[in-house]
Amino acid sequence: MNRRDFLQSTTAVGLAVASGMAWAVDSVSTGNNKEPKMQFVTFNDGNKMPILGYGVYQISPEQTQQCVEDAISVGYRSIDTAQAYRNEQGVGNAVQTAIKGGVKREDLFITTKIWASNATESGVLRSFDASMKKLQLDYLDLLLLHQPFNDIYGAWRAMSKLKKEGRIKSIGVSNFYPDRIMDFALNNEIKPAINQIECNPFYQRQEDEKVLKELGIVLQSWASFGEGRNNMFSNPILQKIGDQYHKTVAQVILRWLIQRNIVVIPKTTKIARMKENISVFDFTLSNEDMQTIAKMDTKTSLFLDFHHLDAQTVKRLNSWKLPD
């Protein structure tokens, strides 16, 4: 997508314009000419993040630039990547296209993550510089520790240093269970702003939510749709709720999470799905519907082969080294 095409695309949908705690996304209309409003969460360090963003996990490096350009063109301003995804370069290329097309850098919110093999004090500093070259940014909005493994306290010292220097606005973690996040928050000068964990209708993380609220840490969901496991997209309970609002199952799930003040980053490579996923600010689930979905919780991960409390998983993740 060249600059002219991108500028026409973003103009057609209406650039997201910050206004207090929300921005208008004119293009993402559901046919009733209403303008859905993007909501923000406020971190414990005072910085704000869009409650709905675009994730690029499992998007190939070859597809990433086009997908992120499409996402930004339809109104997304928060993009989530990671060193382990190996597609930071594509995100960076898309961000540069967007900026050249008229999107302001300060309106974008870019997240990446430090992989476990880089989670040491020196490893963070080295790999952060490498990530920033790929992302082509002067500063990063959010940097996460991807896993609670390796020298996480040394890694956090380095991340805190980068934050104090202004190279990162906010720092957080991912895949930390309640005991780990409590210990981590109590024993560091800077408390994590966010914890990105698996969270979906079948694995709702309500106990995690209570602990994070106590600590003033934002909960962010990965695998909001569980990658379609347990036939989530054809679940009759979710379908029935969606029919009431003329919304899809995916939209119901995202709305349910957002009403819990949980940040979501749905991934798709299809622009029609991108538009669908961001069209969730023009309806509100009733308390009854929220309670109905709450009863679906199995309190079990949908990804048992990737469970962070399993010793062999910990061994496997620690042994996975990223190429330079």
C-alpha atoms as a PDB file:
ATOM      1  CA  MET A   1       0.000   0.000   0.000  1.00  0.00           C
ATOM      2  CA  ASN A   2       1.587   3.293  -1.062  1.00  0.00           C
ATOM      3  CA  ARG A   3       1.269   6.607   0.752  1.00  0.00           C
ATOM      4  CA  ARG A   4      -1.556   7.928  -1.427  1.00  0.00           C
ATOM      5  CA  ASP A   5      -3.594   4.732  -1.109  1.00  0.00           C
ATOM      6  CA  PHE A   6      -3.048   4.647   2.639  1.00  0.00           C
ATOM      7  CA  LEU A   7      -4.010   8.312   3.045  1.00  0.00           C
ATOM      8  CA  GLN A   8      -7.198   7.749   1.044  1.00  0.00           C
ATOM      9  CA  SER A   9      -7.995   4.659   3.085  1.00  0.00           C
ATOM     10  CA  THR A  10      -7.540   6.303   6.469  1.00  0.00           C
ATOM     11  CA  THR A  11      -9.429   9.385   5.348  1.00  0.00           C
ATOM     12  CA  ALA A  12     -12.316   7.258   4.154  1.00  0.00           C
ATOM     13  CA  VAL A  13     -12.716   5.584   7.506  1.00  0.00           C
ATOM     14  CA  GLY A  14     -11.929   8.652   9.569  1.00  0.00           C
ATOM     15  CA  LEU A  15      -8.710   8.938  11.498  1.00  0.00           C
ATOM     16  CA  ALA A  16      -9.062   8.198  15.189  1.00  0.00           C
ATOM     17  CA  VAL A  17      -9.026  11.563  16.938  1.00  0.00           C
ATOM     18  CA  ALA A  18      -8.204  11.602  20.604  1.00  0.00           C
ATOM     19  CA  SER A  19     -10.798  13.321  22.743  1.00  0.00           C
ATOM     20  CA  GLY A  20     -10.434  12.813  26.451  1.00  0.00           C
ATOM     21  CA  MET A  21     -10.920   9.129  27.203  1.00  0.00           C
ATOM     22  CA  ALA A  22     -12.171   8.158  23.730  1.00  0.00           C
ATOM     23  CA  TRP A  23     -11.614   8.680  20.049  1.00  0.00           C
ATOM     24  CA  ALA A  24     -14.100   8.463  17.218  1.00  0.00           C
ATOM     25  CA  VAL A  25     -13.760   5.684  14.660  1.00  0.00           C
ATOM     26  CA  ASP A  26     -16.103   6.946  11.979  1.00  0.00           C
ATOM     27  CA  SER A  27     -15.682   4.103   9.529  1.00  0.00           C
ATOM     28  CA  VAL A  28     -16.470   1.226  11.826  1.00  0.00           C
ATOM     29  CA  SER A  29     -20.202   1.638  11.581  1.00  0.00           C
ATOM     30  CA  THR A  30     -22.641  -1.210  11.830  1.00  0.00           C
ATOM     31  CA  GLY A  31     -25.020   0.355   9.348  1.00  0.00           C
ATOM     32  CA  ASN A  32     -26.884   2.619  11.744  1.00  0.00           C
ATOM     33  CA  ASN A  33     -24.565   5.616  11.220  1.00  0.00           C
ATOM     34  CA  LYS A  34     -23.493   5.589  14.842  1.00  0.00           C
ATOM     35  CA  GLU A  35     -19.861   6.271  15.638  1.00  0.00           C
ATOM     36  CA  PRO A  36     -18.415   3.649  17.967  1.00  0.00           C
ATOM     37  CA  LYS A  37     -16.074   5.150  20.550  1.00  0.00           C
ATOM     38  CA  MET A  38     -12.712   3.684  21.402  1.00  0.00           C
ATOM     39  CA  GLN A  39     -12.296   3.320  25.142  1.00  0.00           C
ATOM     40  CA  PHE A  40      -8.996   3.605  27.015  1.00  0.00           C
ATOM     41  CA  VAL A  41      -7.584   2.063  30.157  1.00  0.00           C
ATOM     42  CA  THR A  42      -5.329   4.112  32.411  1.00  0.00           C
ATOM     43  CA  PHE A  43      -2.197   2.461  33.791  1.00  0.00           C
ATOM     44  CA  ASN A  44      -0.842   2.898  37.290  1.00  0.00           C
ATOM     45  CA  ASP A  45       1.867   5.161  35.790  1.00  0.00           C
ATOM     46  CA  GLY A  46      -0.741   7.501  34.302  1.00  0.00           C
ATOM     47  CA  ASN A  47      -0.330   6.426  30.673  1.00  0.00           C
ATOM     48  CA  LYS A  48      -3.359   5.368  28.635  1.00  0.00           C
ATOM     49  CA  MET A  49      -3.872   2.434  26.253  1.00  0.00           C
ATOM     50  CA  PRO A  50      -6.737   1.667  23.845  1.00  0.00           C
ATOM     51  CA  ILE A  51      -8.854  -1.116  25.314  1.00  0.00           C
ATOM     52  CA  LEU A  52      -9.064  -2.770  21.876  1.00  0.00           C
ATOM     53  CA  GLY A  53      -6.061  -3.312  19.635  1.00  0.00           C
ATOM     54  CA  TYR A  54      -4.744  -5.585  16.920  1.00  0.00           C
ATOM     55  CA  GLY A  55      -2.562  -8.621  17.637  1.00  0.00           C
ATOM     56  CA  VAL A  56      -0.130 -10.161  15.152  1.00  0.00           C
ATOM     57  CA  TYR A  57       0.614 -13.496  16.843  1.00  0.00           C
ATOM     58  CA  GLN A  58       0.869 -16.287  14.222  1.00  0.00           C
ATOM     59  CA  ILE A  59       0.828 -13.829  11.314  1.00  0.00           C
ATOM     60  CA  SER A  60       3.721 -14.650   9.002  1.00  0.00           C
ATOM     61  CA  PRO A  61       6.481 -12.067   8.505  1.00  0.00           C
ATOM     62  CA  GLU A  62       5.469 -11.891   4.839  1.00  0.00           C
ATOM     63  CA  GLN A  63       1.860 -10.956   5.674  1.00  0.00           C
ATOM     64  CA  THR A  64       2.401  -8.721   8.660  1.00  0.00           C
ATOM     65  CA  GLN A  65       3.013  -5.378   6.984  1.00  0.00           C
ATOM     66  CA  GLN A  66      -0.129  -5.577   4.841  1.00  0.00           C
ATOM     67  CA  CYS A  67      -2.258  -6.831   7.737  1.00  0.00           C
ATOM     68  CA  VAL A  68      -1.132  -4.044  10.069  1.00  0.00           C
ATOM     69  CA  GLU A  69      -1.640  -1.449   7.340  1.00  0.00           C
ATOM     70  CA  ASP A  70      -5.169  -2.782   6.864  1.00  0.00           C
ATOM     71  CA  ALA A  71      -5.807  -2.700  10.608  1.00  0.00           C
ATOM     72  CA  ILE A  72      -4.636   0.897  10.957  1.00  0.00           C
ATOM     73  CA  SER A  73      -6.656   1.900   7.890  1.00  0.00           C
ATOM     74  CA  VAL A  74      -9.916   0.745   9.514  1.00  0.00           C
ATOM     75  CA  GLY A  75      -9.251   2.441  12.833  1.00  0.00           C
ATOM     76  CA  TYR A  76      -6.921   0.344  15.013  1.00  0.00           C
ATOM     77  CA  ARG A  77      -4.240   2.350  16.761  1.00  0.00           C
ATOM     78  CA  SER A  78      -2.826  -0.251  19.177  1.00  0.00           C
ATOM     79  CA  ILE A  79      -0.615  -2.991  17.698  1.00  0.00           C
ATOM     80  CA  ASP A  80       0.740  -5.929  19.731  1.00  0.00           C
ATOM     81  CA  THR A  81       3.797  -7.907  18.586  1.00  0.00           C
ATOM     82  CA  ALA A  82       6.725  -9.723  20.235  1.00  0.00           C
ATOM     83  CA  GLN A  83      10.296 -10.770  19.605  1.00  0.00           C
ATOM     84  CA  ALA A  84       9.140 -14.382  19.482  1.00  0.00           C
ATOM     85  CA  TYR A  85       6.597 -13.653  16.734  1.00  0.00           C
ATOM     86  CA  ARG A  86       9.437 -12.736  14.370  1.00  0.00           C
ATOM     87  CA  ASN A  87       7.328 -10.103  12.628  1.00  0.00           C
ATOM     88  CA  GLU A  88       8.446  -6.876  14.324  1.00  0.00           C
ATOM     89  CA  GLN A  89       9.937  -5.703  11.026  1.00  0.00           C
ATOM     90  CA  GLY A  90       6.572  -5.941   9.293  1.00  0.00           C
ATOM     91  CA  VAL A  91       4.922  -3.988  12.097  1.00  0.00           C
ATOM     92  CA  GLY A  92       7.615  -1.328  11.820  1.00  0.00           C
ATOM     93  CA  ASN A  93       7.186  -1.058   8.061  1.00  0.00           C
ATOM     94  CA  ALA A  94       3.414  -0.667   8.456  1.00  0.00           C
ATOM     95  CA  VAL A  95       3.825   2.004  11.138  1.00  0.00           C
ATOM     96  CA  GLN A  96       6.120   3.972   8.853  1.00  0.00           C
ATOM     97  CA  THR A  97       3.577   3.708   6.026  1.00  0.00           C
ATOM     98  CA  ALA A  98       0.883   4.968   8.383  1.00  0.00           C
ATOM     99  CA  ILE A  99       2.956   7.910   9.588  1.00  0.00           C
ATOM    100  CA  LYS A 100       3.848   8.883   6.028  1.00  0.00           C
ATOM    101  CA  GLY A 101       0.146   8.629   5.218  1.00  0.00           C
ATOM    102  CA  GLY A 102      -0.827  11.137   7.892  1.00  0.00           C
ATOM    103  CA  VAL A 103      -1.291   9.127  11.112  1.00  0.00           C
ATOM    104  CA  LYS A 104       0.455  10.796  14.048  1.00  0.00           C
ATOM    105  CA  ARG A 105       2.997   8.710  15.950  1.00  0.00           C
ATOM    106  CA  GLU A 106       1.496   9.835  19.254  1.00  0.00           C
ATOM    107  CA  ASP A 107      -1.864   8.352  18.212  1.00  0.00           C
ATOM    108  CA  LEU A 108      -0.290   4.905  17.815  1.00  0.00           C
ATOM    109  CA  PHE A 109       0.331   2.507  20.683  1.00  0.00           C
ATOM    110  CA  ILE A 110       2.970  -0.134  19.921  1.00  0.00           C
ATOM    111  CA  THR A 111       3.717  -3.114  22.172  1.00  0.00           C
ATOM    112  CA  THR A 112       6.445  -5.733  21.932  1.00  0.00           C
ATOM    113  CA  LYS A 113       7.722  -8.385  24.337  1.00  0.00           C
ATOM    114  CA  ILE A 114      11.076  -9.657  25.629  1.00  0.00           C
ATOM    115  CA  TRP A 115      11.453 -13.397  25.075  1.00  0.00           C
ATOM    116  CA  ALA A 116      12.607 -15.632  27.951  1.00  0.00           C
ATOM    117  CA  SER A 117      16.084 -16.228  26.489  1.00  0.00           C
ATOM    118  CA  ASN A 118      16.604 -12.449  26.495  1.00  0.00           C
ATOM    119  CA  ALA A 119      15.155 -11.929  29.986  1.00  0.00           C
ATOM    120  CA  THR A 120      18.348 -10.852  31.757  1.00  0.00           C
ATOM    121  CA  GLU A 121      19.601  -7.366  32.517  1.00  0.00           C
ATOM    122  CA  SER A 122      22.056  -7.336  29.608  1.00  0.00           C
ATOM    123  CA  GLY A 123      19.752  -9.383  27.386  1.00  0.00           C
ATOM    124  CA  VAL A 124      16.939  -6.841  27.651  1.00  0.00           C
ATOM    125  CA  LEU A 125      19.202  -3.936  26.707  1.00  0.00           C
ATOM    126  CA  ARG A 126      20.656  -5.812  23.747  1.00  0.00           C
ATOM    127  CA  SER A 127      17.410  -7.265  22.414  1.00  0.00           C
ATOM    128  CA  PHE A 128      15.443  -4.063  23.020  1.00  0.00           C
ATOM    129  CA  ASP A 129      17.788  -2.178  20.709  1.00  0.00           C
ATOM    130  CA  ALA A 130      17.351  -4.905  18.092  1.00  0.00           C
ATOM    131  CA  SER A 131      13.558  -4.731  18.409  1.00  0.00           C
ATOM    132  CA  MET A 132      13.555  -0.945  18.087  1.00  0.00           C
ATOM    133  CA  LYS A 133      15.574  -1.139  14.876  1.00  0.00           C
ATOM    134  CA  LYS A 134      13.019  -3.543  13.431  1.00  0.00           C
ATOM    135  CA  LEU A 135      10.085  -1.450  14.673  1.00  0.00           C
ATOM    136  CA  GLN A 136      11.813   1.734  13.416  1.00  0.00           C
ATOM    137  CA  LEU A 137      10.684   3.721  16.441  1.00  0.00           C
ATOM    138  CA  ASP A 138      12.256   6.405  18.630  1.00  0.00           C
ATOM    139  CA  TYR A 139      10.289   5.222  21.655  1.00  0.00           C
ATOM    140  CA  LEU A 140       8.068   2.280  22.571  1.00  0.00           C
ATOM    141  CA  ASP A 141       4.659   2.580  24.203  1.00  0.00           C
ATOM    142  CA  LEU A 142       4.723  -0.730  26.082  1.00  0.00           C
ATOM    143  CA  LEU A 143       7.338  -3.435  26.672  1.00  0.00           C
ATOM    144  CA  LEU A 144       6.377  -6.739  28.321  1.00  0.00           C
ATOM    145  CA  LEU A 145       8.280  -9.643  29.795  1.00  0.00           C
ATOM    146  CA  HIS A 146       6.815 -12.429  27.662  1.00  0.00           C
ATOM    147  CA  GLN A 147       7.198 -15.214  30.235  1.00  0.00           C
ATOM    148  CA  PRO A 148       7.875 -15.398  34.009  1.00  0.00           C
ATOM    149  CA  PHE A 149      11.148 -17.236  33.359  1.00  0.00           C
ATOM    150  CA  ASN A 150      14.907 -16.609  33.468  1.00  0.00           C
ATOM    151  CA  ASP A 151      16.304 -13.606  35.398  1.00  0.00           C
ATOM    152  CA  ILE A 152      13.065 -11.624  35.457  1.00  0.00           C
ATOM    153  CA  TYR A 153      14.253  -9.305  38.236  1.00  0.00           C
ATOM    154  CA  GLY A 154      17.412  -8.397  36.350  1.00  0.00           C
ATOM    155  CA  ALA A 155      15.352  -7.966  33.191  1.00  0.00           C
ATOM    156  CA  TRP A 156      12.942  -5.697  35.069  1.00  0.00           C
ATOM    157  CA  ARG A 157      15.829  -3.500  36.273  1.00  0.00           C
ATOM    158  CA  ALA A 158      16.836  -2.974  32.658  1.00  0.00           C
ATOM    159  CA  MET A 159      13.257  -2.281  31.580  1.00  0.00           C
ATOM    160  CA  SER A 160      12.846   0.186  34.453  1.00  0.00           C
ATOM    161  CA  LYS A 161      16.019   1.950  33.348  1.00  0.00           C
ATOM    162  CA  LEU A 162      14.699   2.263  29.796  1.00  0.00           C
ATOM    163  CA  LYS A 163      11.426   3.632  31.127  1.00  0.00           C
ATOM    164  CA  LYS A 164      13.191   6.232  33.267  1.00  0.00           C
ATOM    165  CA  GLU A 165      15.226   7.271  30.229  1.00  0.00           C
ATOM    166  CA  GLY A 166      12.014   7.822  28.257  1.00  0.00           C
ATOM    167  CA  ARG A 167      12.709   5.117  25.688  1.00  0.00           C
ATOM    168  CA  ILE A 168       9.665   3.163  26.900  1.00  0.00           C
ATOM    169  CA  LYS A 169       6.480   4.747  28.226  1.00  0.00           C
ATOM    170  CA  SER A 170       5.151   1.765  30.180  1.00  0.00           C
ATOM    171  CA  ILE A 171       6.394  -1.677  31.178  1.00  0.00           C
ATOM    172  CA  GLY A 172       4.489  -4.814  32.058  1.00  0.00           C
ATOM    173  CA  VAL A 173       4.460  -8.592  32.052  1.00  0.00           C
ATOM    174  CA  SER A 174       2.730 -11.526  30.393  1.00  0.00           C
ATOM    175  CA  ASN A 175       1.693 -14.987  31.593  1.00  0.00           C
ATOM    176  CA  PHE A 176       2.289 -14.224  35.281  1.00  0.00           C
ATOM    177  CA  TYR A 177       0.012 -16.186  37.637  1.00  0.00           C
ATOM    178  CA  PRO A 178      -1.389 -14.483  40.778  1.00  0.00           C
ATOM    179  CA  ASP A 179       1.404 -15.625  43.116  1.00  0.00           C
ATOM    180  CA  ARG A 180       4.106 -14.477  40.700  1.00  0.00           C
ATOM    181  CA  ILE A 181       2.507 -11.105  39.960  1.00  0.00           C
ATOM    182  CA  MET A 182       1.958 -10.401  43.672  1.00  0.00           C
ATOM    183  CA  ASP A 183       5.581 -11.158  44.547  1.00  0.00           C
ATOM    184  CA  PHE A 184       6.831  -9.214  41.529  1.00  0.00           C
ATOM    185  CA  ALA A 185       4.722  -6.137  42.256  1.00  0.00           C
ATOM    186  CA  LEU A 186       5.709  -6.059  45.927  1.00  0.00           C
ATOM    187  CA  ASN A 187       9.441  -6.392  45.283  1.00  0.00           C
ATOM    188  CA  ASN A 188      10.103  -3.916  42.486  1.00  0.00           C
ATOM    189  CA  GLU A 189      10.335  -0.138  42.539  1.00  0.00           C
ATOM    190  CA  ILE A 190       8.170   0.128  39.420  1.00  0.00           C
ATOM    191  CA  LYS A 191       5.037  -2.007  39.433  1.00  0.00           C
ATOM    192  CA  PRO A 192       3.937  -3.672  36.179  1.00  0.00           C
ATOM    193  CA  ALA A 193       1.316  -1.651  34.331  1.00  0.00           C
ATOM    194  CA  ILE A 194      -0.330  -4.675  32.731  1.00  0.00           C
ATOM    195  CA  ASN A 195      -0.390  -8.487  32.728  1.00  0.00           C
ATOM    196  CA  GLN A 196      -1.258 -10.182  29.436  1.00  0.00           C
ATOM    197  CA  ILE A 197      -2.739 -13.627  30.064  1.00  0.00           C
ATOM    198  CA  GLU A 198      -5.018 -16.161  28.400  1.00  0.00           C
ATOM    199  CA  CYS A 199      -8.595 -15.057  29.053  1.00  0.00           C
ATOM    200  CA  ASN A 200     -11.759 -16.158  27.254  1.00  0.00           C
ATOM    201  CA  PRO A 201     -15.281 -17.418  28.094  1.00  0.00           C
ATOM    202  CA  PHE A 202     -14.003 -20.898  28.986  1.00  0.00           C
ATOM    203  CA  TYR A 203     -11.021 -19.650  31.028  1.00  0.00           C
ATOM    204  CA  GLN A 204     -12.157 -16.419  32.614  1.00  0.00           C
ATOM    205  CA  ARG A 205      -9.346 -15.766  35.138  1.00  0.00           C
ATOM    206  CA  GLN A 206     -11.627 -14.221  37.735  1.00  0.00           C
ATOM    207  CA  GLU A 207      -9.184 -14.868  40.592  1.00  0.00           C
ATOM    208  CA  ASP A 208      -6.386 -13.297  38.547  1.00  0.00           C
ATOM    209  CA  GLU A 209      -8.680 -10.343  37.920  1.00  0.00           C
ATOM    210  CA  LYS A 210      -9.198  -9.813  41.671  1.00  0.00           C
ATOM    211  CA  VAL A 211      -5.468  -9.880  42.407  1.00  0.00           C
ATOM    212  CA  LEU A 212      -4.651  -7.525  39.543  1.00  0.00           C
ATOM    213  CA  LYS A 213      -7.338  -5.074  40.669  1.00  0.00           C
ATOM    214  CA  GLU A 214      -5.888  -5.162  44.193  1.00  0.00           C
ATOM    215  CA  LEU A 215      -2.473  -4.307  42.762  1.00  0.00           C
ATOM    216  CA  GLY A 216      -3.749  -1.704  40.294  1.00  0.00           C
ATOM    217  CA  ILE A 217      -2.518  -3.702  37.296  1.00  0.00           C
ATOM    218  CA  VAL A 218      -4.503  -3.891  34.053  1.00  0.00           C
ATOM    219  CA  LEU A 219      -5.570  -7.324  32.782  1.00  0.00           C
ATOM    220  CA  GLN A 220      -5.048  -7.954  29.067  1.00  0.00           C
ATOM    221  CA  SER A 221      -6.434 -10.971  27.238  1.00  0.00           C
ATOM    222  CA  TRP A 222      -4.606 -13.126  24.765  1.00  0.00           C
ATOM    223  CA  ALA A 223      -6.568 -15.859  22.949  1.00  0.00           C
ATOM    224  CA  SER A 224      -9.841 -14.022  23.583  1.00  0.00           C
ATOM    225  CA  PHE A 225     -11.465 -16.437  21.119  1.00  0.00           C
ATOM    226  CA  GLY A 226      -9.453 -19.444  22.309  1.00  0.00           C
ATOM    227  CA  GLU A 227      -8.360 -19.854  18.681  1.00  0.00           C
ATOM    228  CA  GLY A 228     -11.827 -21.320  18.109  1.00  0.00           C
ATOM    229  CA  ARG A 229     -11.284 -24.263  20.451  1.00  0.00           C
ATOM    230  CA  ASN A 230     -14.261 -25.889  22.195  1.00  0.00           C
ATOM    231  CA  ASN A 231     -16.293 -24.826  19.119  1.00  0.00           C
ATOM    232  CA  MET A 232     -16.364 -21.330  20.585  1.00  0.00           C
ATOM    233  CA  PHE A 233     -17.634 -19.582  17.458  1.00  0.00           C
ATOM    234  CA  SER A 234     -20.628 -21.923  17.234  1.00  0.00           C
ATOM    235  CA  ASN A 235     -21.404 -22.004  20.939  1.00  0.00           C
ATOM    236  CA  PRO A 236     -25.218 -21.858  21.280  1.00  0.00           C
ATOM    237  CA  ILE A 237     -25.138 -19.691  24.423  1.00  0.00           C
ATOM    238  CA  LEU A 238     -22.966 -17.053  22.776  1.00  0.00           C
ATOM    239  CA  GLN A 239     -24.924 -17.278  19.534  1.00  0.00           C
ATOM    240  CA  LYS A 240     -28.201 -16.685  21.350  1.00  0.00           C
ATOM    241  CA  ILE A 241     -26.799 -13.634  23.110  1.00  0.00           C
ATOM    242  CA  GLY A 242     -25.382 -12.308  19.847  1.00  0.00           C
ATOM    243  CA  ASP A 243     -28.737 -12.686  18.096  1.00  0.00           C
ATOM    244  CA  GLN A 244     -30.325 -10.340  20.642  1.00  0.00           C
ATOM    245  CA  TYR A 245     -27.947  -7.548  19.648  1.00  0.00           C
ATOM    246  CA  HIS A 246     -27.529  -8.496  15.963  1.00  0.00           C
ATOM    247  CA  LYS A 247     -23.872  -9.208  16.703  1.00  0.00           C
ATOM    248  CA  THR A 248     -21.530 -12.119  16.025  1.00  0.00           C
ATOM    249  CA  VAL A 249     -20.117 -14.460  18.653  1.00  0.00           C
ATOM    250  CA  ALA A 250     -16.730 -12.766  18.264  1.00  0.00           C
ATOM    251  CA  GLN A 251     -18.276  -9.365  18.955  1.00  0.00           C
ATOM    252  CA  VAL A 252     -20.091 -10.701  22.016  1.00  0.00           C
ATOM    253  CA  ILE A 253     -16.845 -12.112  23.431  1.00  0.00           C
ATOM    254  CA  LEU A 254     -14.946  -8.876  22.873  1.00  0.00           C
ATOM    255  CA  ARG A 255     -17.755  -6.834  24.373  1.00  0.00           C
ATOM    256  CA  TRP A 256     -17.914  -9.151  27.407  1.00  0.00           C
ATOM    257  CA  LEU A 257     -14.186  -8.675  28.019  1.00  0.00           C
ATOM    258  CA  ILE A 258     -14.311  -4.914  27.486  1.00  0.00           C
ATOM    259  CA  GLN A 259     -17.151  -4.590  29.983  1.00  0.00           C
ATOM    260  CA  ARG A 260     -14.840  -6.285  32.482  1.00  0.00           C
ATOM    261  CA  ASN A 261     -12.271  -3.542  31.663  1.00  0.00           C
ATOM    262  CA  ILE A 262     -10.005  -6.141  30.064  1.00  0.00           C
ATOM    263  CA  VAL A 263      -7.803  -5.078  27.150  1.00  0.00           C
ATOM    264  CA  VAL A 264      -8.269  -7.168  23.994  1.00  0.00           C
ATOM    265  CA  ILE A 265      -6.031  -7.655  20.941  1.00  0.00           C
ATOM    266  CA  PRO A 266      -7.930  -9.909  18.487  1.00  0.00           C
ATOM    267  CA  LYS A 267      -5.960 -11.214  15.536  1.00  0.00           C
ATOM    268  CA  THR A 268      -7.232 -11.782  12.011  1.00  0.00           C
ATOM    269  CA  THR A 269      -5.750 -11.451   8.537  1.00  0.00           C
ATOM    270  CA  LYS A 270      -9.083 -10.507   6.936  1.00  0.00           C
ATOM    271  CA  ILE A 271     -10.019  -6.834   6.763  1.00  0.00           C
ATOM    272  CA  ALA A 272     -13.738  -7.673   7.060  1.00  0.00           C
ATOM    273  CA  ARG A 273     -13.039  -9.387  10.396  1.00  0.00           C
ATOM    274  CA  MET A 274     -10.926  -6.428  11.499  1.00  0.00           C
ATOM    275  CA  LYS A 275     -13.933  -4.169  10.940  1.00  0.00           C
ATOM    276  CA  GLU A 276     -16.205  -6.645  12.716  1.00  0.00           C
ATOM    277  CA  ASN A 277     -13.916  -6.910  15.744  1.00  0.00           C
ATOM    278  CA  ILE A 278     -13.649  -3.168  16.252  1.00  0.00           C
ATOM    279  CA  SER A 279     -17.419  -2.676  15.948  1.00  0.00           C
ATOM    280  CA  VAL A 280     -18.156  -3.403  19.594  1.00  0.00           C
ATOM    281  CA  PHE A 281     -18.651   0.051  21.082  1.00  0.00           C
ATOM    282  CA  ASP A 282     -22.240   0.575  19.923  1.00  0.00           C
ATOM    283  CA  PHE A 283     -23.926  -1.957  22.212  1.00  0.00           C
ATOM    284  CA  THR A 284     -23.796  -3.063  25.859  1.00  0.00           C
ATOM    285  CA  LEU A 285     -24.401  -6.540  27.221  1.00  0.00           C
ATOM    286  CA  SER A 286     -27.002  -6.694  29.973  1.00  0.00           C
ATOM    287  CA  ASN A 287     -26.080  -7.807  33.477  1.00  0.00           C
ATOM    288  CA  GLU A 288     -28.032 -10.994  32.824  1.00  0.00           C
ATOM    289  CA  ASP A 289     -25.993 -11.734  29.703  1.00  0.00           C
ATOM    290  CA  MET A 290     -22.746 -11.013  31.549  1.00  0.00           C
ATOM    291  CA  GLN A 291     -23.791 -13.451  34.288  1.00  0.00           C
ATOM    292  CA  THR A 292     -24.783 -16.084  31.729  1.00  0.00           C
ATOM    293  CA  ILE A 293     -21.336 -15.941  30.138  1.00  0.00           C
ATOM    294  CA  ALA A 294     -19.716 -16.032  33.594  1.00  0.00           C
ATOM    295  CA  LYS A 295     -21.291 -19.470  34.137  1.00  0.00           C
ATOM    296  CA  MET A 296     -19.370 -20.835  31.122  1.00  0.00           C
ATOM    297  CA  ASP A 297     -16.069 -20.726  32.997  1.00  0.00           C
ATOM    298  CA  THR A 298     -14.294 -24.102  33.205  1.00  0.00           C
ATOM    299  CA  LYS A 299     -11.318 -22.577  35.075  1.00  0.00           C
ATOM    300  CA  THR A 300      -9.069 -24.562  32.735  1.00  0.00           C
ATOM    301  CA  SER A 301      -6.674 -23.352  30.056  1.00  0.00           C
ATOM    302  CA  LEU A 302      -7.590 -24.199  26.476  1.00  0.00           C
ATOM    303  CA  PHE A 303      -3.875 -24.609  25.790  1.00  0.00           C
ATOM    304  CA  LEU A 304      -2.766 -27.343  28.171  1.00  0.00           C
ATOM    305  CA  ASP A 305       0.196 -28.125  25.929  1.00  0.00           C
ATOM    306  CA  PHE A 306       1.439 -24.615  26.723  1.00  0.00           C
ATOM    307  CA  HIS A 307       0.577 -24.434  30.413  1.00  0.00           C
ATOM    308  CA  HIS A 308       2.975 -22.222  32.366  1.00  0.00           C
ATOM    309  CA  LEU A 309       2.672 -24.252  35.566  1.00  0.00           C
ATOM    310  CA  ASP A 310       3.884 -27.434  33.887  1.00  0.00           C
ATOM    311  CA  ALA A 311       7.563 -28.215  34.533  1.00  0.00           C
ATOM    312  CA  GLN A 312       8.226 -29.586  31.054  1.00  0.00           C
ATOM    313  CA  THR A 313       6.657 -26.515  29.470  1.00  0.00           C
ATOM    314  CA  VAL A 314       8.931 -24.296  31.555  1.00  0.00           C
ATOM    315  CA  LYS A 315      11.935 -26.364  30.462  1.00  0.00           C
ATOM    316  CA  ARG A 316      10.899 -26.185  26.815  1.00  0.00           C
ATOM    317  CA  LEU A 317      10.269 -22.436  26.804  1.00  0.00           C
ATOM    318  CA  ASN A 318      13.559 -21.720  28.545  1.00  0.00           C
ATOM    319  CA  SER A 319      15.423 -23.794  25.976  1.00  0.00           C
ATOM    320  CA  TRP A 320      13.942 -21.926  22.995  1.00  0.00           C
ATOM    321  CA  LYS A 321      16.541 -19.422  21.842  1.00  0.00           C
ATOM    322  CA  LEU A 322      15.667 -16.730  19.328  1.00  0.00           C
ATOM    323  CA  PRO A 323      18.068 -16.157  16.423  1.00  0.00           C
ATOM    324  CA  ASP A 324      19.951 -12.851  16.414  1.00  0.00           C
END
